Amino acid sequence: MIDPANRHAYVPGLGLDKIMIYELDLEKGKLKQCDQPWVNTKPGSGPRHFTFHPSGRFAYLINELDSTVVAYAYNERNGSLVKIQVESTLPSDFKGENYAADIHVSPSGKFLYASNRGHDSLAVFRVDEENGFIEAVGHAYTQGRWPRNFAIDPYGTFILVANQYSDNIVVFRVDDETGMPEPAGHSIKVPSPACIRIAPLE
């Protein structure tokens, strides 16, 4: 993941329990390690994906193995990250097997979404845009099994979820006030969908 300032690259290492941090040399097309070359994560947490808040002040990590989201304060100048919060992606009463997968912040910056493989849901969080903290709003069933990946349209109106084990991509409409996704009544059959990207039509 490239930071909003286009100065640093971040690579979650699931087996390393680290986020590797590199400085971008755009002229030479190369990466070099920063003064802070990595950030340690909780042992056994399994860092998987990483994303930035649209403001460029905060970043969020999803951990696959312990189903958590970690919020960081981000320093644009040197690329450093400071952990400020950890929240579970699961309801407190869920006891089954789960592997957290994908994570995105809405274009408005008001909401954060994380997918759960096992609980088969999108966890929805409200973002405090002043300090980057997140607050759980609820969970939306993904209308399928094993939501490996999802994408939010550029306006934050729709979310498309790729359910890998049920071979379907499902469209959800986002409630502007709560951020909760609601089934839009559209889905397509796709064998083992694993990744979704939304591209503008010219």
N, C-alpha and C. Protein backbone atom coordinates (compact mmCIF):
# COMPACT_ATOMS: atom_id res chain seq x y z
N MET A 1 0.84 -1.19 0.00
CA MET A 1 0.00 0.00 0.00
C MET A 1 0.89 1.25 0.00
N ILE A 2 0.59 2.17 -0.93
CA ILE A 2 1.32 3.44 -1.03
C ILE A 2 0.59 4.50 -0.21
N ASP A 3 1.33 5.30 0.52
CA ASP A 3 0.69 6.33 1.34
C ASP A 3 0.13 7.45 0.46
N PRO A 4 -0.82 8.26 1.00
CA PRO A 4 -1.43 9.33 0.20
C PRO A 4 -0.44 10.36 -0.32
N ALA A 5 0.69 10.53 0.37
CA ALA A 5 1.69 11.50 -0.06
C ALA A 5 2.62 10.93 -1.13
N ASN A 6 2.45 9.65 -1.45
CA ASN A 6 3.28 8.99 -2.47
C ASN A 6 4.76 8.99 -2.09
N ARG A 7 5.02 8.82 -0.79
CA ARG A 7 6.40 8.85 -0.31
C ARG A 7 6.85 7.53 0.31
N HIS A 8 5.89 6.73 0.77
CA HIS A 8 6.24 5.49 1.46
C HIS A 8 5.34 4.34 1.02
N ALA A 9 5.88 3.12 1.11
CA ALA A 9 5.13 1.91 0.81
C ALA A 9 5.11 1.02 2.05
N TYR A 10 3.97 0.37 2.28
CA TYR A 10 3.77 -0.45 3.47
C TYR A 10 3.37 -1.86 3.04
N VAL A 11 4.05 -2.86 3.62
CA VAL A 11 3.82 -4.25 3.24
C VAL A 11 3.55 -5.07 4.49
N PRO A 12 2.29 -5.48 4.73
CA PRO A 12 2.03 -6.35 5.86
C PRO A 12 2.64 -7.73 5.62
N GLY A 13 3.33 -8.25 6.63
CA GLY A 13 3.94 -9.58 6.54
C GLY A 13 3.21 -10.54 7.46
N LEU A 14 2.32 -11.35 6.89
CA LEU A 14 1.47 -12.22 7.70
C LEU A 14 2.30 -13.19 8.54
N GLY A 15 3.34 -13.76 7.96
CA GLY A 15 4.16 -14.71 8.68
C GLY A 15 5.20 -14.06 9.57
N LEU A 16 5.44 -12.78 9.37
CA LEU A 16 6.46 -12.06 10.14
C LEU A 16 5.89 -11.31 11.34
N ASP A 17 4.57 -11.08 11.31
CA ASP A 17 3.94 -10.22 12.31
C ASP A 17 4.59 -8.85 12.35
N LYS A 18 4.78 -8.28 11.16
CA LYS A 18 5.35 -6.95 11.01
C LYS A 18 4.68 -6.23 9.84
N ILE A 19 4.72 -4.92 9.87
CA ILE A 19 4.44 -4.11 8.69
C ILE A 19 5.77 -3.52 8.24
N MET A 20 6.23 -3.92 7.07
CA MET A 20 7.48 -3.40 6.54
C MET A 20 7.23 -2.02 5.93
N ILE A 21 8.16 -1.09 6.15
CA ILE A 21 8.01 0.28 5.67
C ILE A 21 9.19 0.64 4.77
N TYR A 22 8.87 1.13 3.57
CA TYR A 22 9.90 1.50 2.60
C TYR A 22 9.70 2.93 2.13
N GLU A 23 10.79 3.59 1.84
CA GLU A 23 10.74 4.92 1.23
C GLU A 23 10.75 4.77 -0.28
N LEU A 24 9.90 5.53 -0.95
CA LEU A 24 9.81 5.46 -2.41
C LEU A 24 10.80 6.42 -3.05
N ASP A 25 11.58 5.90 -3.99
CA ASP A 25 12.42 6.74 -4.85
C ASP A 25 11.77 6.70 -6.22
N LEU A 26 10.91 7.68 -6.49
CA LEU A 26 10.13 7.67 -7.72
C LEU A 26 10.98 7.89 -8.96
N GLU A 27 12.06 8.65 -8.84
CA GLU A 27 12.91 8.90 -10.00
C GLU A 27 13.62 7.62 -10.46
N LYS A 28 14.08 6.82 -9.50
CA LYS A 28 14.81 5.60 -9.84
C LYS A 28 13.90 4.37 -9.86
N GLY A 29 12.66 4.54 -9.41
CA GLY A 29 11.75 3.41 -9.37
C GLY A 29 12.19 2.34 -8.38
N LYS A 30 12.72 2.77 -7.23
CA LYS A 30 13.25 1.83 -6.26
C LYS A 30 12.66 2.09 -4.87
N LEU A 31 12.81 1.07 -4.01
CA LEU A 31 12.42 1.18 -2.62
C LEU A 31 13.67 1.11 -1.75
N LYS A 32 13.65 1.85 -0.65
CA LYS A 32 14.72 1.69 0.34
C LYS A 32 14.10 1.72 1.73
N GLN A 33 14.75 1.02 2.66
CA GLN A 33 14.21 0.94 4.00
C GLN A 33 14.25 2.30 4.69
N CYS A 34 13.22 2.56 5.50
CA CYS A 34 13.14 3.80 6.26
C CYS A 34 13.96 3.68 7.54
N ASP A 35 14.09 4.80 8.24
CA ASP A 35 14.75 4.79 9.54
C ASP A 35 14.01 3.86 10.50
N GLN A 36 12.67 3.85 10.38
CA GLN A 36 11.86 2.86 11.09
C GLN A 36 11.47 1.81 10.05
N PRO A 37 12.26 0.72 9.90
CA PRO A 37 12.05 -0.20 8.79
C PRO A 37 10.82 -1.08 8.91
N TRP A 38 10.28 -1.21 10.12
CA TRP A 38 9.07 -2.00 10.29
C TRP A 38 8.37 -1.61 11.58
N VAL A 39 7.11 -2.04 11.66
CA VAL A 39 6.32 -1.92 12.89
C VAL A 39 5.94 -3.33 13.31
N ASN A 40 6.23 -3.70 14.53
CA ASN A 40 5.83 -5.01 15.03
C ASN A 40 4.33 -5.04 15.32
N THR A 41 3.71 -6.17 15.01
CA THR A 41 2.32 -6.38 15.38
C THR A 41 2.27 -7.47 16.45
N LYS A 42 1.10 -7.71 17.00
CA LYS A 42 0.96 -8.72 18.05
C LYS A 42 1.39 -10.09 17.52
N PRO A 43 2.22 -10.82 18.24
CA PRO A 43 2.65 -12.16 17.79
C PRO A 43 1.45 -13.07 17.51
N GLY A 44 1.45 -13.66 16.31
CA GLY A 44 0.37 -14.56 15.93
C GLY A 44 -0.86 -13.89 15.39
N SER A 45 -0.83 -12.56 15.24
CA SER A 45 -2.02 -11.84 14.77
C SER A 45 -2.24 -12.00 13.27
N GLY A 46 -1.16 -12.11 12.50
CA GLY A 46 -1.28 -12.33 11.06
C GLY A 46 -1.68 -11.11 10.27
N PRO A 47 -0.86 -10.05 10.25
CA PRO A 47 -1.21 -8.84 9.48
C PRO A 47 -1.42 -9.16 8.00
N ARG A 48 -2.56 -8.72 7.44
CA ARG A 48 -2.94 -9.13 6.08
C ARG A 48 -3.03 -7.95 5.10
N HIS A 49 -3.87 -6.97 5.40
CA HIS A 49 -4.04 -5.82 4.50
C HIS A 49 -3.97 -4.52 5.31
N PHE A 50 -3.71 -3.43 4.58
CA PHE A 50 -3.42 -2.14 5.20
C PHE A 50 -4.03 -1.06 4.33
N THR A 51 -4.64 -0.06 4.95
CA THR A 51 -5.25 1.01 4.18
C THR A 51 -5.14 2.33 4.93
N PHE A 52 -5.30 3.42 4.19
CA PHE A 52 -5.21 4.76 4.77
C PHE A 52 -6.57 5.44 4.82
N HIS A 53 -6.72 6.33 5.78
CA HIS A 53 -7.88 7.21 5.84
C HIS A 53 -7.71 8.27 4.76
N PRO A 54 -8.80 8.73 4.12
CA PRO A 54 -8.68 9.75 3.06
C PRO A 54 -7.97 11.03 3.52
N SER A 55 -8.01 11.33 4.80
CA SER A 55 -7.35 12.53 5.31
C SER A 55 -5.83 12.41 5.26
N GLY A 56 -5.33 11.18 5.17
CA GLY A 56 -3.89 10.94 5.19
C GLY A 56 -3.28 10.99 6.58
N ARG A 57 -4.09 11.09 7.62
CA ARG A 57 -3.57 11.21 8.99
C ARG A 57 -3.57 9.89 9.74
N PHE A 58 -4.35 8.92 9.26
CA PHE A 58 -4.50 7.66 9.98
C PHE A 58 -4.41 6.48 9.01
N ALA A 59 -4.05 5.33 9.56
CA ALA A 59 -3.97 4.10 8.77
C ALA A 59 -4.57 2.96 9.58
N TYR A 60 -4.99 1.91 8.85
CA TYR A 60 -5.67 0.79 9.51
C TYR A 60 -5.16 -0.53 8.94
N LEU A 61 -4.92 -1.47 9.85
CA LEU A 61 -4.43 -2.80 9.51
C LEU A 61 -5.47 -3.83 9.90
N ILE A 62 -5.68 -4.84 9.04
CA ILE A 62 -6.52 -5.97 9.42
C ILE A 62 -5.63 -7.18 9.63
N ASN A 63 -5.86 -7.85 10.76
CA ASN A 63 -5.11 -9.05 11.11
C ASN A 63 -5.96 -10.28 10.84
N GLU A 64 -5.44 -11.17 9.99
CA GLU A 64 -6.20 -12.34 9.57
C GLU A 64 -6.43 -13.34 10.69
N LEU A 65 -5.40 -13.61 11.49
CA LEU A 65 -5.45 -14.75 12.40
C LEU A 65 -6.16 -14.46 13.72
N ASP A 66 -6.14 -13.22 14.19
CA ASP A 66 -6.87 -12.93 15.43
C ASP A 66 -8.07 -12.02 15.20
N SER A 67 -8.41 -11.78 13.93
CA SER A 67 -9.62 -11.04 13.56
C SER A 67 -9.72 -9.70 14.28
N THR A 68 -8.70 -8.88 14.07
CA THR A 68 -8.71 -7.54 14.66
C THR A 68 -8.37 -6.48 13.62
N VAL A 69 -8.79 -5.25 13.92
CA VAL A 69 -8.38 -4.06 13.17
C VAL A 69 -7.53 -3.21 14.11
N VAL A 70 -6.39 -2.76 13.61
CA VAL A 70 -5.50 -1.90 14.38
C VAL A 70 -5.47 -0.52 13.73
N ALA A 71 -5.72 0.50 14.53
CA ALA A 71 -5.66 1.89 14.05
C ALA A 71 -4.31 2.49 14.40
N TYR A 72 -3.75 3.25 13.46
CA TYR A 72 -2.46 3.91 13.66
C TYR A 72 -2.56 5.39 13.34
N ALA A 73 -1.82 6.19 14.10
CA ALA A 73 -1.55 7.57 13.69
C ALA A 73 -0.36 7.53 12.74
N TYR A 74 -0.46 8.29 11.65
CA TYR A 74 0.53 8.23 10.58
C TYR A 74 1.28 9.55 10.46
N ASN A 75 2.61 9.47 10.37
CA ASN A 75 3.45 10.65 10.19
C ASN A 75 3.89 10.71 8.73
N GLU A 76 3.36 11.66 7.99
CA GLU A 76 3.66 11.76 6.56
C GLU A 76 5.13 12.04 6.29
N ARG A 77 5.76 12.80 7.17
CA ARG A 77 7.15 13.21 6.94
C ARG A 77 8.12 12.02 6.92
N ASN A 78 8.03 11.17 7.95
CA ASN A 78 9.00 10.06 8.03
C ASN A 78 8.37 8.68 7.84
N GLY A 79 7.05 8.64 7.64
CA GLY A 79 6.39 7.37 7.38
C GLY A 79 6.11 6.52 8.60
N SER A 80 6.38 7.03 9.79
CA SER A 80 6.23 6.22 11.00
C SER A 80 4.76 6.02 11.36
N LEU A 81 4.51 4.93 12.07
CA LEU A 81 3.17 4.57 12.52
C LEU A 81 3.18 4.41 14.04
N VAL A 82 2.13 4.94 14.70
CA VAL A 82 1.98 4.78 16.14
C VAL A 82 0.61 4.16 16.40
N LYS A 83 0.59 2.99 17.03
CA LYS A 83 -0.67 2.30 17.31
C LYS A 83 -1.50 3.09 18.30
N ILE A 84 -2.79 3.26 17.99
CA ILE A 84 -3.67 4.00 18.89
C ILE A 84 -4.87 3.18 19.36
N GLN A 85 -5.20 2.07 18.66
CA GLN A 85 -6.40 1.32 19.04
C GLN A 85 -6.39 -0.05 18.38
N VAL A 86 -7.01 -1.03 19.06
CA VAL A 86 -7.23 -2.37 18.50
C VAL A 86 -8.68 -2.75 18.77
N GLU A 87 -9.39 -3.20 17.72
CA GLU A 87 -10.79 -3.62 17.86
C GLU A 87 -11.01 -4.94 17.14
N SER A 88 -11.87 -5.79 17.70
CA SER A 88 -12.23 -7.05 17.06
C SER A 88 -13.16 -6.81 15.88
N THR A 89 -13.06 -7.66 14.87
CA THR A 89 -13.99 -7.60 13.74
C THR A 89 -15.22 -8.46 13.98
N LEU A 90 -15.28 -9.16 15.10
CA LEU A 90 -16.33 -10.14 15.36
C LEU A 90 -17.26 -9.70 16.49
N PRO A 91 -18.51 -10.20 16.48
CA PRO A 91 -19.37 -9.98 17.64
C PRO A 91 -18.79 -10.70 18.86
N SER A 92 -19.06 -10.18 20.03
CA SER A 92 -18.47 -10.75 21.25
C SER A 92 -18.94 -12.17 21.54
N ASP A 93 -20.11 -12.55 21.00
CA ASP A 93 -20.65 -13.88 21.30
C ASP A 93 -20.31 -14.92 20.23
N PHE A 94 -19.52 -14.54 19.22
CA PHE A 94 -19.18 -15.50 18.17
C PHE A 94 -18.02 -16.38 18.63
N LYS A 95 -18.20 -17.70 18.55
CA LYS A 95 -17.19 -18.65 19.03
C LYS A 95 -16.62 -19.52 17.91
N GLY A 96 -17.05 -19.32 16.67
CA GLY A 96 -16.62 -20.17 15.58
C GLY A 96 -15.27 -19.76 15.01
N GLU A 97 -14.85 -20.49 13.98
CA GLU A 97 -13.58 -20.21 13.31
C GLU A 97 -13.75 -19.02 12.37
N ASN A 98 -12.76 -18.15 12.34
CA ASN A 98 -12.85 -16.97 11.47
C ASN A 98 -11.46 -16.51 11.04
N TYR A 99 -11.39 -16.04 9.81
CA TYR A 99 -10.16 -15.45 9.28
C TYR A 99 -10.53 -14.11 8.65
N ALA A 100 -10.10 -13.02 9.26
CA ALA A 100 -10.39 -11.70 8.70
C ALA A 100 -9.66 -11.54 7.38
N ALA A 101 -10.23 -10.77 6.47
CA ALA A 101 -9.68 -10.73 5.11
C ALA A 101 -9.35 -9.32 4.64
N ASP A 102 -10.36 -8.57 4.20
CA ASP A 102 -10.11 -7.31 3.51
C ASP A 102 -10.53 -6.13 4.38
N ILE A 103 -10.01 -4.95 4.05
CA ILE A 103 -10.31 -3.75 4.82
C ILE A 103 -10.29 -2.53 3.91
N HIS A 104 -11.30 -1.64 4.08
CA HIS A 104 -11.36 -0.40 3.31
C HIS A 104 -12.04 0.69 4.13
N VAL A 105 -11.66 1.93 3.88
CA VAL A 105 -12.32 3.09 4.46
C VAL A 105 -13.19 3.71 3.38
N SER A 106 -14.39 4.15 3.76
CA SER A 106 -15.28 4.77 2.78
C SER A 106 -14.66 6.04 2.22
N PRO A 107 -15.02 6.43 0.99
CA PRO A 107 -14.46 7.66 0.41
C PRO A 107 -14.72 8.90 1.26
N SER A 108 -15.82 8.90 2.01
CA SER A 108 -16.13 10.04 2.88
C SER A 108 -15.24 10.09 4.11
N GLY A 109 -14.60 8.96 4.44
CA GLY A 109 -13.78 8.88 5.64
C GLY A 109 -14.58 8.62 6.90
N LYS A 110 -15.89 8.46 6.78
CA LYS A 110 -16.74 8.31 7.96
C LYS A 110 -16.84 6.88 8.47
N PHE A 111 -16.60 5.90 7.57
CA PHE A 111 -16.81 4.51 7.95
C PHE A 111 -15.65 3.63 7.50
N LEU A 112 -15.42 2.57 8.28
CA LEU A 112 -14.42 1.57 7.94
C LEU A 112 -15.11 0.21 7.88
N TYR A 113 -14.71 -0.61 6.90
CA TYR A 113 -15.31 -1.93 6.70
C TYR A 113 -14.23 -3.00 6.71
N ALA A 114 -14.56 -4.15 7.31
CA ALA A 114 -13.64 -5.29 7.35
C ALA A 114 -14.44 -6.56 7.10
N SER A 115 -13.89 -7.47 6.29
CA SER A 115 -14.62 -8.70 5.98
C SER A 115 -14.14 -9.86 6.84
N ASN A 116 -15.11 -10.71 7.20
CA ASN A 116 -14.88 -11.88 8.05
C ASN A 116 -15.18 -13.16 7.28
N ARG A 117 -14.16 -14.00 7.10
CA ARG A 117 -14.34 -15.31 6.48
C ARG A 117 -14.55 -16.33 7.59
N GLY A 118 -15.77 -16.85 7.67
CA GLY A 118 -16.16 -17.75 8.75
C GLY A 118 -17.45 -17.22 9.35
N HIS A 119 -17.40 -16.02 9.89
CA HIS A 119 -18.62 -15.33 10.31
C HIS A 119 -19.40 -14.85 9.10
N ASP A 120 -18.71 -14.74 7.95
CA ASP A 120 -19.31 -14.36 6.67
C ASP A 120 -20.08 -13.04 6.78
N SER A 121 -19.32 -12.02 7.14
CA SER A 121 -19.94 -10.71 7.37
C SER A 121 -18.97 -9.60 7.00
N LEU A 122 -19.55 -8.41 6.87
CA LEU A 122 -18.77 -7.18 6.86
C LEU A 122 -18.95 -6.52 8.22
N ALA A 123 -17.84 -6.30 8.91
CA ALA A 123 -17.88 -5.53 10.15
C ALA A 123 -17.84 -4.05 9.79
N VAL A 124 -18.71 -3.28 10.40
CA VAL A 124 -18.84 -1.85 10.09
C VAL A 124 -18.43 -1.04 11.32
N PHE A 125 -17.56 -0.06 11.09
CA PHE A 125 -17.09 0.83 12.16
C PHE A 125 -17.30 2.28 11.75
N ARG A 126 -17.65 3.10 12.71
CA ARG A 126 -17.69 4.55 12.49
C ARG A 126 -16.33 5.13 12.85
N VAL A 127 -15.81 6.02 12.02
CA VAL A 127 -14.48 6.60 12.23
C VAL A 127 -14.61 8.00 12.82
N ASP A 128 -13.90 8.25 13.90
CA ASP A 128 -13.79 9.60 14.43
C ASP A 128 -12.70 10.31 13.62
N GLU A 129 -13.10 11.25 12.81
CA GLU A 129 -12.16 11.88 11.88
C GLU A 129 -11.20 12.85 12.56
N GLU A 130 -11.42 13.12 13.84
CA GLU A 130 -10.51 13.99 14.58
C GLU A 130 -9.30 13.22 15.11
N ASN A 131 -9.55 11.99 15.61
CA ASN A 131 -8.45 11.24 16.24
C ASN A 131 -8.19 9.88 15.62
N GLY A 132 -9.00 9.47 14.63
CA GLY A 132 -8.77 8.20 13.96
C GLY A 132 -9.34 6.99 14.65
N PHE A 133 -9.92 7.15 15.83
CA PHE A 133 -10.49 6.02 16.54
C PHE A 133 -11.72 5.48 15.81
N ILE A 134 -11.98 4.18 16.00
CA ILE A 134 -13.14 3.56 15.37
C ILE A 134 -14.08 3.01 16.43
N GLU A 135 -15.37 3.00 16.09
CA GLU A 135 -16.41 2.49 16.98
C GLU A 135 -17.29 1.51 16.21
N ALA A 136 -17.51 0.33 16.76
CA ALA A 136 -18.30 -0.69 16.08
C ALA A 136 -19.73 -0.22 15.89
N VAL A 137 -20.24 -0.42 14.66
CA VAL A 137 -21.63 -0.10 14.34
C VAL A 137 -22.46 -1.37 14.26
N GLY A 138 -21.93 -2.40 13.59
CA GLY A 138 -22.67 -3.65 13.44
C GLY A 138 -22.02 -4.55 12.41
N HIS A 139 -22.76 -5.60 12.02
CA HIS A 139 -22.28 -6.56 11.04
C HIS A 139 -23.36 -6.80 9.99
N ALA A 140 -22.95 -6.94 8.75
CA ALA A 140 -23.86 -7.22 7.65
C ALA A 140 -23.50 -8.57 7.04
N TYR A 141 -24.46 -9.50 6.97
CA TYR A 141 -24.24 -10.80 6.35
C TYR A 141 -23.95 -10.60 4.87
N THR A 142 -22.96 -11.29 4.34
CA THR A 142 -22.51 -11.03 2.97
C THR A 142 -23.28 -11.81 1.90
N GLN A 143 -24.35 -12.49 2.29
CA GLN A 143 -25.18 -13.22 1.33
C GLN A 143 -24.38 -14.31 0.60
N GLY A 144 -23.39 -14.85 1.27
CA GLY A 144 -22.56 -15.90 0.69
C GLY A 144 -21.51 -16.35 1.68
N ARG A 145 -20.60 -17.18 1.21
CA ARG A 145 -19.59 -17.76 2.09
C ARG A 145 -18.18 -17.30 1.74
N TRP A 146 -17.43 -16.96 2.77
CA TRP A 146 -16.00 -16.65 2.67
C TRP A 146 -15.73 -15.37 1.87
N PRO A 147 -16.16 -14.22 2.40
CA PRO A 147 -15.95 -12.93 1.71
C PRO A 147 -14.47 -12.53 1.72
N ARG A 148 -13.78 -12.97 0.70
CA ARG A 148 -12.33 -12.77 0.63
C ARG A 148 -11.94 -11.32 0.33
N ASN A 149 -12.78 -10.64 -0.45
CA ASN A 149 -12.42 -9.31 -0.92
C ASN A 149 -13.69 -8.50 -1.16
N PHE A 150 -13.58 -7.18 -1.10
CA PHE A 150 -14.72 -6.33 -1.44
C PHE A 150 -14.19 -4.99 -1.93
N ALA A 151 -15.06 -4.24 -2.59
CA ALA A 151 -14.69 -2.94 -3.13
C ALA A 151 -15.83 -1.95 -2.90
N ILE A 152 -15.46 -0.70 -2.64
CA ILE A 152 -16.43 0.38 -2.45
C ILE A 152 -16.36 1.29 -3.67
N ASP A 153 -17.53 1.66 -4.22
CA ASP A 153 -17.50 2.52 -5.40
C ASP A 153 -17.01 3.91 -5.01
N PRO A 154 -16.56 4.72 -5.98
CA PRO A 154 -15.92 6.02 -5.67
C PRO A 154 -16.80 7.00 -4.91
N TYR A 155 -18.12 6.80 -4.95
CA TYR A 155 -19.03 7.69 -4.24
C TYR A 155 -19.43 7.16 -2.87
N GLY A 156 -19.01 5.95 -2.54
CA GLY A 156 -19.37 5.34 -1.27
C GLY A 156 -20.81 4.88 -1.19
N THR A 157 -21.45 4.73 -2.35
CA THR A 157 -22.86 4.35 -2.40
C THR A 157 -23.05 2.85 -2.39
N PHE A 158 -22.16 2.12 -3.05
CA PHE A 158 -22.29 0.67 -3.17
C PHE A 158 -21.02 -0.04 -2.72
N ILE A 159 -21.22 -1.26 -2.20
CA ILE A 159 -20.12 -2.16 -1.87
C ILE A 159 -20.35 -3.47 -2.62
N LEU A 160 -19.33 -3.95 -3.31
CA LEU A 160 -19.39 -5.24 -4.00
C LEU A 160 -18.54 -6.23 -3.22
N VAL A 161 -19.13 -7.37 -2.86
CA VAL A 161 -18.46 -8.36 -2.02
C VAL A 161 -18.24 -9.64 -2.82
N ALA A 162 -16.99 -10.12 -2.80
CA ALA A 162 -16.64 -11.38 -3.48
C ALA A 162 -16.66 -12.51 -2.46
N ASN A 163 -17.67 -13.37 -2.55
CA ASN A 163 -17.80 -14.54 -1.67
C ASN A 163 -17.16 -15.74 -2.36
N GLN A 164 -15.97 -16.09 -1.93
CA GLN A 164 -15.16 -17.07 -2.66
C GLN A 164 -15.77 -18.47 -2.67
N TYR A 165 -16.28 -18.93 -1.54
CA TYR A 165 -16.74 -20.32 -1.45
C TYR A 165 -18.17 -20.53 -1.95
N SER A 166 -18.94 -19.46 -2.11
CA SER A 166 -20.29 -19.60 -2.65
C SER A 166 -20.37 -19.12 -4.09
N ASP A 167 -19.22 -18.76 -4.67
CA ASP A 167 -19.14 -18.42 -6.10
C ASP A 167 -20.08 -17.28 -6.49
N ASN A 168 -20.12 -16.24 -5.69
CA ASN A 168 -20.99 -15.12 -6.07
C ASN A 168 -20.39 -13.78 -5.64
N ILE A 169 -20.74 -12.75 -6.40
CA ILE A 169 -20.43 -11.36 -6.06
C ILE A 169 -21.75 -10.66 -5.80
N VAL A 170 -21.87 -10.05 -4.64
CA VAL A 170 -23.13 -9.46 -4.20
C VAL A 170 -22.98 -7.95 -4.06
N VAL A 171 -24.01 -7.22 -4.50
CA VAL A 171 -24.00 -5.76 -4.43
C VAL A 171 -24.80 -5.30 -3.21
N PHE A 172 -24.23 -4.38 -2.45
CA PHE A 172 -24.90 -3.79 -1.29
C PHE A 172 -24.98 -2.28 -1.47
N ARG A 173 -26.09 -1.70 -1.02
CA ARG A 173 -26.23 -0.25 -0.97
C ARG A 173 -25.92 0.21 0.46
N VAL A 174 -25.15 1.30 0.58
CA VAL A 174 -24.72 1.78 1.89
C VAL A 174 -25.68 2.84 2.42
N ASP A 175 -26.11 2.66 3.66
CA ASP A 175 -26.92 3.67 4.34
C ASP A 175 -26.03 4.87 4.69
N ASP A 176 -26.40 6.04 4.22
CA ASP A 176 -25.56 7.23 4.41
C ASP A 176 -25.37 7.60 5.87
N GLU A 177 -26.38 7.34 6.69
CA GLU A 177 -26.33 7.76 8.09
C GLU A 177 -25.57 6.77 8.96
N THR A 178 -25.86 5.48 8.80
CA THR A 178 -25.28 4.46 9.68
C THR A 178 -24.04 3.80 9.10
N GLY A 179 -23.89 3.87 7.77
CA GLY A 179 -22.81 3.17 7.10
C GLY A 179 -23.08 1.70 6.87
N MET A 180 -24.23 1.20 7.33
CA MET A 180 -24.53 -0.22 7.19
C MET A 180 -24.86 -0.59 5.74
N PRO A 181 -24.26 -1.67 5.23
CA PRO A 181 -24.59 -2.15 3.89
C PRO A 181 -25.92 -2.92 3.92
N GLU A 182 -26.74 -2.68 2.92
CA GLU A 182 -28.01 -3.38 2.78
C GLU A 182 -28.06 -4.02 1.40
N PRO A 183 -28.51 -5.29 1.29
CA PRO A 183 -28.54 -5.96 -0.02
C PRO A 183 -29.32 -5.13 -1.04
N ALA A 184 -28.70 -4.92 -2.21
CA ALA A 184 -29.33 -4.12 -3.26
C ALA A 184 -30.16 -4.96 -4.21
N GLY A 185 -30.15 -6.27 -4.01
CA GLY A 185 -30.95 -7.15 -4.86
C GLY A 185 -30.25 -7.60 -6.12
N HIS A 186 -28.94 -7.39 -6.19
CA HIS A 186 -28.18 -7.78 -7.37
C HIS A 186 -27.01 -8.67 -6.97
N SER A 187 -26.82 -9.76 -7.71
CA SER A 187 -25.66 -10.62 -7.51
C SER A 187 -25.38 -11.35 -8.81
N ILE A 188 -24.13 -11.78 -8.98
CA ILE A 188 -23.76 -12.56 -10.15
C ILE A 188 -22.96 -13.77 -9.70
N LYS A 189 -23.04 -14.83 -10.50
CA LYS A 189 -22.28 -16.04 -10.22
C LYS A 189 -20.91 -15.92 -10.87
N VAL A 190 -19.88 -16.11 -10.07
CA VAL A 190 -18.49 -16.07 -10.53
C VAL A 190 -17.73 -17.18 -9.81
N PRO A 191 -17.03 -18.04 -10.53
CA PRO A 191 -16.31 -19.12 -9.85
C PRO A 191 -15.20 -18.58 -8.94
N SER A 192 -15.28 -18.88 -7.67
CA SER A 192 -14.25 -18.55 -6.67
C SER A 192 -13.72 -17.12 -6.79
N PRO A 193 -14.57 -16.10 -6.71
CA PRO A 193 -14.07 -14.73 -6.83
C PRO A 193 -13.13 -14.39 -5.68
N ALA A 194 -11.99 -13.81 -6.01
CA ALA A 194 -10.97 -13.56 -4.99
C ALA A 194 -10.59 -12.09 -4.87
N CYS A 195 -10.90 -11.28 -5.89
CA CYS A 195 -10.51 -9.87 -5.84
C CYS A 195 -11.43 -9.05 -6.73
N ILE A 196 -11.79 -7.86 -6.26
CA ILE A 196 -12.64 -6.95 -7.02
C ILE A 196 -11.96 -5.58 -7.10
N ARG A 197 -11.97 -4.99 -8.29
CA ARG A 197 -11.52 -3.62 -8.47
C ARG A 197 -12.56 -2.88 -9.31
N ILE A 198 -12.83 -1.64 -8.96
CA ILE A 198 -13.78 -0.82 -9.70
C ILE A 198 -12.99 0.18 -10.52
N ALA A 199 -13.18 0.14 -11.83
CA ALA A 199 -12.43 1.02 -12.73
C ALA A 199 -13.40 2.01 -13.38
N PRO A 200 -13.00 3.28 -13.55
CA PRO A 200 -13.87 4.26 -14.20
C PRO A 200 -14.03 3.95 -15.68
N LEU A 201 -15.22 4.22 -16.19
CA LEU A 201 -15.48 4.07 -17.63
C LEU A 201 -15.25 5.41 -18.31
N GLU A 202 -14.49 5.39 -19.37
CA GLU A 202 -14.19 6.64 -20.09
C GLU A 202 -15.06 6.76 -21.33
